[in-house]
Amino acid sequence: MLEYVTDADDPRLSDYTRLRDVELRKSLEAERGLFLAEGEKVIRRAIGAGYPIRSVLTTRRWLAPLEDVLGDALVYVVSDEIMSGIAGFQVHRGALASMERLPLPAAETLVKGGVRRLLVLEDLVDHSNVGAIFRCAAALGVDGILLSPRCADPLYRRAVKVSMGAVFSIPYARMDHWFEGLARLREAGFLTLALTPDQSAVPLDSVELGDRVALLLGAEGDGLSSHWLEEADEAVCIPMSAAAMAAGVDSLNVVAAAAIACHGLMRVR
């Protein structure tokens, strides 16, 4: 259903103009929370993953590319100028969609399923990093992701955009109990590996990987907490070049480390 809107302050556009990023974070996992999907490809992936559409905001020239997936969804059509004003920048991928969240599975449900390779993110607060890690994990075949209670929201607009919709293609859940989380993973049969830049740790590619492995990644800057480092079955590292170490380059950023580590996790299935 098309509705043409000529005023950016029209209350029908409130999902886009009044629900700024702070409010989106507050709605994290709320029963009737929402998130914004940006661009044709991401919107298609969200719809394909079963997320209900609340509405779509687009311009005339992007109606045709999207109409095959929108069905009878409510579509607000605005001028390019209004679209840029609402988005805060030129939207080059055509549209914004307000989507309803689906209920997250319990962490116990995820780990007791058929998951064999799992990432566990502890307190990553940068939404771009979280989105990029989801994209790495999905691309390299990781089965699922667990988030600590304070980890950033994968359905935050920036995370969804950076992941190119990969947040819709990999199962994830949020831990209720950070302190006891690793013990529960071990009870489910997971070998827990704590990734650290400490070069005295065991190189990841030399670890004997069992049937179920959970790799722990820590926050930007601080890395994993001392509790998780001590609680994990083994601390592992990605070996750095000796020349780089001598020059003071002693670690990778968390996204690069996650990509290499995900590849290493998949060497044995």
Protein backbone atom coordinates (compact mmCIF):
# COMPACT_ATOMS: atom_id res chain seq x y z
CA MET A 1 0.00 0.00 0.00
CA LEU A 2 1.55 3.28 -1.16
CA GLU A 3 1.23 6.54 0.73
CA TYR A 4 2.91 9.68 -0.60
CA VAL A 5 4.33 11.94 2.12
CA THR A 6 5.49 15.50 1.47
CA ASP A 7 6.43 16.63 4.98
CA ALA A 8 9.35 15.19 6.98
CA ASP A 9 7.47 16.00 10.19
CA ASP A 10 4.48 13.88 9.19
CA PRO A 11 3.69 11.63 12.20
CA ARG A 12 3.42 8.63 9.89
CA LEU A 13 7.21 8.74 9.58
CA SER A 14 7.83 8.59 13.32
CA ASP A 15 9.67 5.25 13.15
CA TYR A 16 12.29 7.02 11.06
CA THR A 17 12.34 10.57 12.43
CA ARG A 18 11.68 10.13 16.16
CA LEU A 19 13.16 6.75 16.91
CA ARG A 20 16.81 7.78 16.92
CA ASP A 21 19.68 5.46 17.75
CA VAL A 22 19.46 5.95 21.53
CA GLU A 23 15.82 4.85 21.48
CA LEU A 24 16.69 1.91 19.25
CA ARG A 25 19.20 0.70 21.83
CA LYS A 26 16.64 1.10 24.59
CA SER A 27 14.28 -1.15 22.66
CA LEU A 28 16.87 -3.95 22.62
CA GLU A 29 15.05 -7.28 22.64
CA ALA A 30 11.86 -5.59 23.82
CA GLU A 31 8.76 -7.62 23.20
CA ARG A 32 7.53 -5.25 20.50
CA GLY A 33 10.89 -3.63 19.62
CA LEU A 34 11.87 -2.65 16.11
CA PHE A 35 14.98 -2.10 14.05
CA LEU A 36 15.84 -0.30 10.84
CA ALA A 37 17.10 -2.10 7.73
CA GLU A 38 18.88 0.05 5.16
CA GLY A 39 19.16 -0.70 1.46
CA GLU A 40 17.50 -3.09 -0.96
CA LYS A 41 19.77 -6.07 -0.29
CA VAL A 42 19.52 -5.85 3.50
CA ILE A 43 15.74 -5.35 3.39
CA ARG A 44 15.39 -8.43 1.18
CA ARG A 45 17.48 -10.49 3.59
CA ALA A 46 15.47 -9.32 6.60
CA ILE A 47 12.19 -10.22 4.87
CA GLY A 48 13.63 -13.56 3.79
CA ALA A 49 14.59 -14.29 7.40
CA GLY A 50 10.98 -13.78 8.48
CA TYR A 51 11.11 -10.34 10.11
CA PRO A 52 7.71 -8.61 9.75
CA ILE A 53 7.65 -5.25 7.98
CA ARG A 54 6.14 -2.32 9.85
CA SER A 55 6.69 0.07 6.96
CA VAL A 56 9.13 1.06 4.22
CA LEU A 57 10.44 4.54 3.46
CA THR A 58 11.67 5.09 -0.08
CA THR A 59 11.65 7.35 -3.14
CA ARG A 60 9.87 6.92 -6.47
CA ARG A 61 12.85 5.53 -8.34
CA TRP A 62 13.35 2.69 -5.84
CA LEU A 63 9.79 1.41 -5.86
CA ALA A 64 10.19 -0.97 -8.79
CA PRO A 65 13.34 -2.80 -7.52
CA LEU A 66 11.60 -3.59 -4.22
CA GLU A 67 8.00 -4.25 -5.19
CA ASP A 68 8.45 -8.01 -5.70
CA VAL A 69 9.22 -8.54 -1.99
CA LEU A 70 7.05 -5.88 -0.36
CA GLY A 71 3.65 -7.46 -1.03
CA ASP A 72 0.97 -5.40 0.70
CA ALA A 73 3.41 -3.70 3.10
CA LEU A 74 2.87 -0.06 3.96
CA VAL A 75 5.25 2.02 1.83
CA TYR A 76 5.86 5.72 2.39
CA VAL A 77 7.13 7.47 -0.75
CA VAL A 78 9.03 10.72 -0.27
CA SER A 79 11.25 13.03 -2.31
CA ASP A 80 15.02 12.58 -2.46
CA GLU A 81 15.42 15.70 -0.33
CA ILE A 82 13.14 14.42 2.45
CA MET A 83 14.82 11.01 2.32
CA SER A 84 18.28 12.57 2.73
CA GLY A 85 17.06 14.80 5.54
CA ILE A 86 15.54 11.93 7.49
CA ALA A 87 18.45 9.53 6.97
CA GLY A 88 21.04 12.19 7.69
CA PHE A 89 22.87 11.38 4.45
CA GLN A 90 22.20 10.32 0.87
CA VAL A 91 20.72 6.82 0.92
CA HIS A 92 22.43 5.14 -2.02
CA ARG A 93 20.79 1.75 -1.56
CA GLY A 94 17.27 2.93 -2.05
CA ALA A 95 15.21 2.56 1.08
CA LEU A 96 14.83 2.25 4.81
CA ALA A 97 12.51 -0.31 6.36
CA SER A 98 11.13 -0.42 9.88
CA MET A 99 11.05 -4.08 10.90
CA GLU A 100 9.65 -5.85 13.94
CA ARG A 101 12.06 -7.92 15.99
CA LEU A 102 11.60 -11.65 16.44
CA PRO A 103 12.01 -13.25 19.89
CA LEU A 104 15.57 -14.35 20.57
CA PRO A 105 16.12 -17.97 21.56
CA ALA A 106 17.41 -18.62 25.05
CA ALA A 107 21.17 -19.16 25.22
CA GLU A 108 20.54 -22.70 26.50
CA THR A 109 18.36 -23.46 23.49
CA LEU A 110 21.09 -22.33 21.10
CA VAL A 111 23.91 -24.32 22.69
CA LYS A 112 21.82 -27.46 23.12
CA GLY A 113 20.95 -27.50 19.44
CA GLY A 114 23.14 -28.71 16.60
CA VAL A 115 25.71 -25.93 17.04
CA ARG A 116 29.29 -27.20 16.85
CA ARG A 117 31.30 -24.04 16.20
CA LEU A 118 30.33 -21.03 18.30
CA LEU A 119 31.62 -17.50 18.80
CA VAL A 120 31.11 -15.89 22.19
CA LEU A 121 31.43 -12.09 22.29
CA GLU A 122 32.18 -10.46 25.62
CA ASP A 123 31.21 -6.79 25.95
CA LEU A 124 31.98 -5.64 22.41
CA VAL A 125 30.37 -2.21 22.35
CA ASP A 126 31.16 -1.01 18.83
CA HIS A 127 28.21 -1.81 16.58
CA SER A 128 30.34 -1.78 13.42
CA ASN A 129 32.65 -4.40 14.92
CA VAL A 130 29.73 -6.58 15.96
CA GLY A 131 28.22 -6.36 12.48
CA ALA A 132 31.53 -7.16 10.82
CA ILE A 133 32.11 -10.16 13.09
CA PHE A 134 28.66 -11.51 12.27
CA ARG A 135 29.53 -11.20 8.58
CA CYS A 136 32.84 -13.06 9.10
CA ALA A 137 31.17 -15.80 11.13
CA ALA A 138 28.36 -16.30 8.61
CA ALA A 139 30.72 -16.29 5.62
CA LEU A 140 33.10 -18.84 7.14
CA GLY A 141 30.44 -21.25 8.38
CA VAL A 142 30.32 -20.66 12.14
CA ASP A 143 27.08 -22.13 13.51
CA GLY A 144 26.05 -19.50 16.04
CA ILE A 145 27.01 -16.55 18.23
CA LEU A 146 26.49 -15.92 21.93
CA LEU A 147 26.53 -12.37 23.28
CA SER A 148 27.39 -11.32 26.81
CA PRO A 149 24.70 -9.23 28.53
CA ARG A 150 26.50 -5.95 27.77
CA CYS A 151 27.45 -6.70 24.19
CA ALA A 152 26.19 -4.32 21.48
CA ASP A 153 22.93 -5.00 19.67
CA PRO A 154 23.36 -6.86 16.33
CA LEU A 155 20.11 -5.29 15.09
CA TYR A 156 21.28 -1.75 15.67
CA ARG A 157 21.16 0.05 12.33
CA ARG A 158 24.95 0.36 11.93
CA ALA A 159 25.55 -3.31 12.81
CA VAL A 160 22.93 -4.48 10.31
CA LYS A 161 24.39 -2.27 7.58
CA VAL A 162 28.02 -3.32 8.13
CA SER A 163 27.04 -7.00 8.24
CA MET A 164 25.17 -6.61 4.91
CA GLY A 165 22.31 -8.53 6.52
CA ALA A 166 24.48 -11.39 7.80
CA VAL A 167 22.94 -10.78 11.25
CA PHE A 168 19.79 -12.39 9.83
CA SER A 169 21.53 -15.55 8.62
CA ILE A 170 23.33 -16.81 11.72
CA PRO A 171 21.57 -17.87 14.94
CA TYR A 172 22.45 -15.87 18.02
CA ALA A 173 21.35 -15.49 21.62
CA ARG A 174 22.19 -13.32 24.60
CA MET A 175 23.51 -14.75 27.85
CA ASP A 176 21.51 -14.13 30.99
CA HIS A 177 24.41 -15.02 33.30
CA TRP A 178 27.83 -13.69 32.35
CA PHE A 179 29.65 -15.09 35.37
CA GLU A 180 28.38 -18.65 34.92
CA GLY A 181 28.26 -18.57 31.12
CA LEU A 182 31.39 -20.58 30.37
CA ALA A 183 30.53 -23.28 32.89
CA ARG A 184 27.22 -23.76 31.11
CA LEU A 185 29.03 -24.06 27.77
CA ARG A 186 31.28 -26.78 29.17
CA GLU A 187 28.24 -28.59 30.55
CA ALA A 188 26.90 -28.60 26.98
CA GLY A 189 30.12 -30.25 25.78
CA PHE A 190 32.00 -27.23 24.42
CA LEU A 191 35.75 -26.75 24.55
CA THR A 192 36.13 -23.05 25.44
CA LEU A 193 39.05 -21.20 23.85
CA ALA A 194 39.93 -17.66 24.94
CA LEU A 195 41.52 -15.65 22.13
CA THR A 196 44.25 -13.35 23.46
CA PRO A 197 47.07 -11.29 21.90
CA ASP A 198 49.45 -12.80 24.48
CA GLN A 199 52.02 -14.64 22.34
CA SER A 200 52.80 -17.06 25.15
CA ALA A 201 49.37 -18.64 24.62
CA VAL A 202 48.92 -21.71 22.45
CA PRO A 203 48.68 -20.91 18.70
CA LEU A 204 45.09 -21.47 17.61
CA ASP A 205 46.10 -23.57 14.60
CA SER A 206 47.90 -26.09 16.86
CA VAL A 207 44.97 -26.74 19.21
CA GLU A 208 43.24 -30.08 18.85
CA LEU A 209 39.64 -29.12 18.13
CA GLY A 210 36.92 -31.38 19.44
CA ASP A 211 33.37 -31.85 18.20
CA ARG A 212 32.08 -28.68 19.89
CA VAL A 213 34.23 -25.56 20.25
CA ALA A 214 33.38 -22.08 21.54
CA LEU A 215 35.83 -19.29 20.77
CA LEU A 216 35.75 -16.28 23.11
CA LEU A 217 36.42 -12.78 21.78
CA GLY A 218 36.85 -9.81 24.12
CA ALA A 219 36.02 -6.13 24.04
CA GLU A 220 37.84 -3.62 21.88
CA GLY A 221 40.93 -2.42 23.67
CA ASP A 222 40.62 -4.33 26.95
CA GLY A 223 40.15 -7.79 25.48
CA LEU A 224 38.64 -10.59 27.51
CA SER A 225 37.99 -10.15 31.21
CA SER A 226 40.36 -11.87 33.63
CA HIS A 227 37.45 -14.06 34.74
CA TRP A 228 36.83 -15.45 31.26
CA LEU A 229 40.55 -15.84 30.56
CA GLU A 230 40.95 -17.89 33.72
CA GLU A 231 37.69 -19.78 33.28
CA ALA A 232 38.33 -20.85 29.67
CA ASP A 233 39.71 -24.31 28.98
CA GLU A 234 42.66 -22.84 27.09
CA ALA A 235 44.05 -19.45 26.06
CA VAL A 236 44.94 -19.29 22.37
CA CYS A 237 46.59 -16.71 20.15
CA ILE A 238 47.16 -15.84 16.50
CA PRO A 239 50.96 -15.81 16.07
CA MET A 240 52.35 -12.40 15.12
CA SER A 241 55.34 -11.75 12.89
CA ALA A 242 58.55 -11.35 14.91
CA ALA A 243 59.46 -8.29 12.85
CA ALA A 244 56.06 -6.74 13.48
CA MET A 245 56.36 -7.44 17.20
CA ALA A 246 59.78 -5.77 17.26
CA ALA A 247 58.20 -2.73 15.60
CA GLY A 248 55.49 -2.60 18.24
CA VAL A 249 52.68 -4.15 16.18
CA ASP A 250 51.68 -6.84 18.63
CA SER A 251 48.03 -7.52 17.86
CA LEU A 252 45.17 -7.38 15.36
CA ASN A 253 41.93 -5.47 15.71
CA VAL A 254 39.05 -7.62 16.88
CA VAL A 255 37.40 -7.95 13.45
CA ALA A 256 40.59 -9.11 11.72
CA ALA A 257 41.29 -11.49 14.59
CA ALA A 258 37.75 -12.84 14.39
CA ALA A 259 38.06 -13.52 10.65
CA ILE A 260 41.32 -15.42 11.04
CA ALA A 261 40.04 -17.29 14.09
CA CYS A 262 36.78 -18.27 12.38
CA HIS A 263 38.78 -19.70 9.49
CA GLY A 264 40.89 -21.63 11.99
CA LEU A 265 37.81 -22.97 13.77
CA MET A 266 36.55 -24.53 10.55
CA ARG A 267 39.67 -26.59 9.78
CA VAL A 268 38.09 -29.58 11.52
CA ARG A 269 34.33 -30.28 11.47
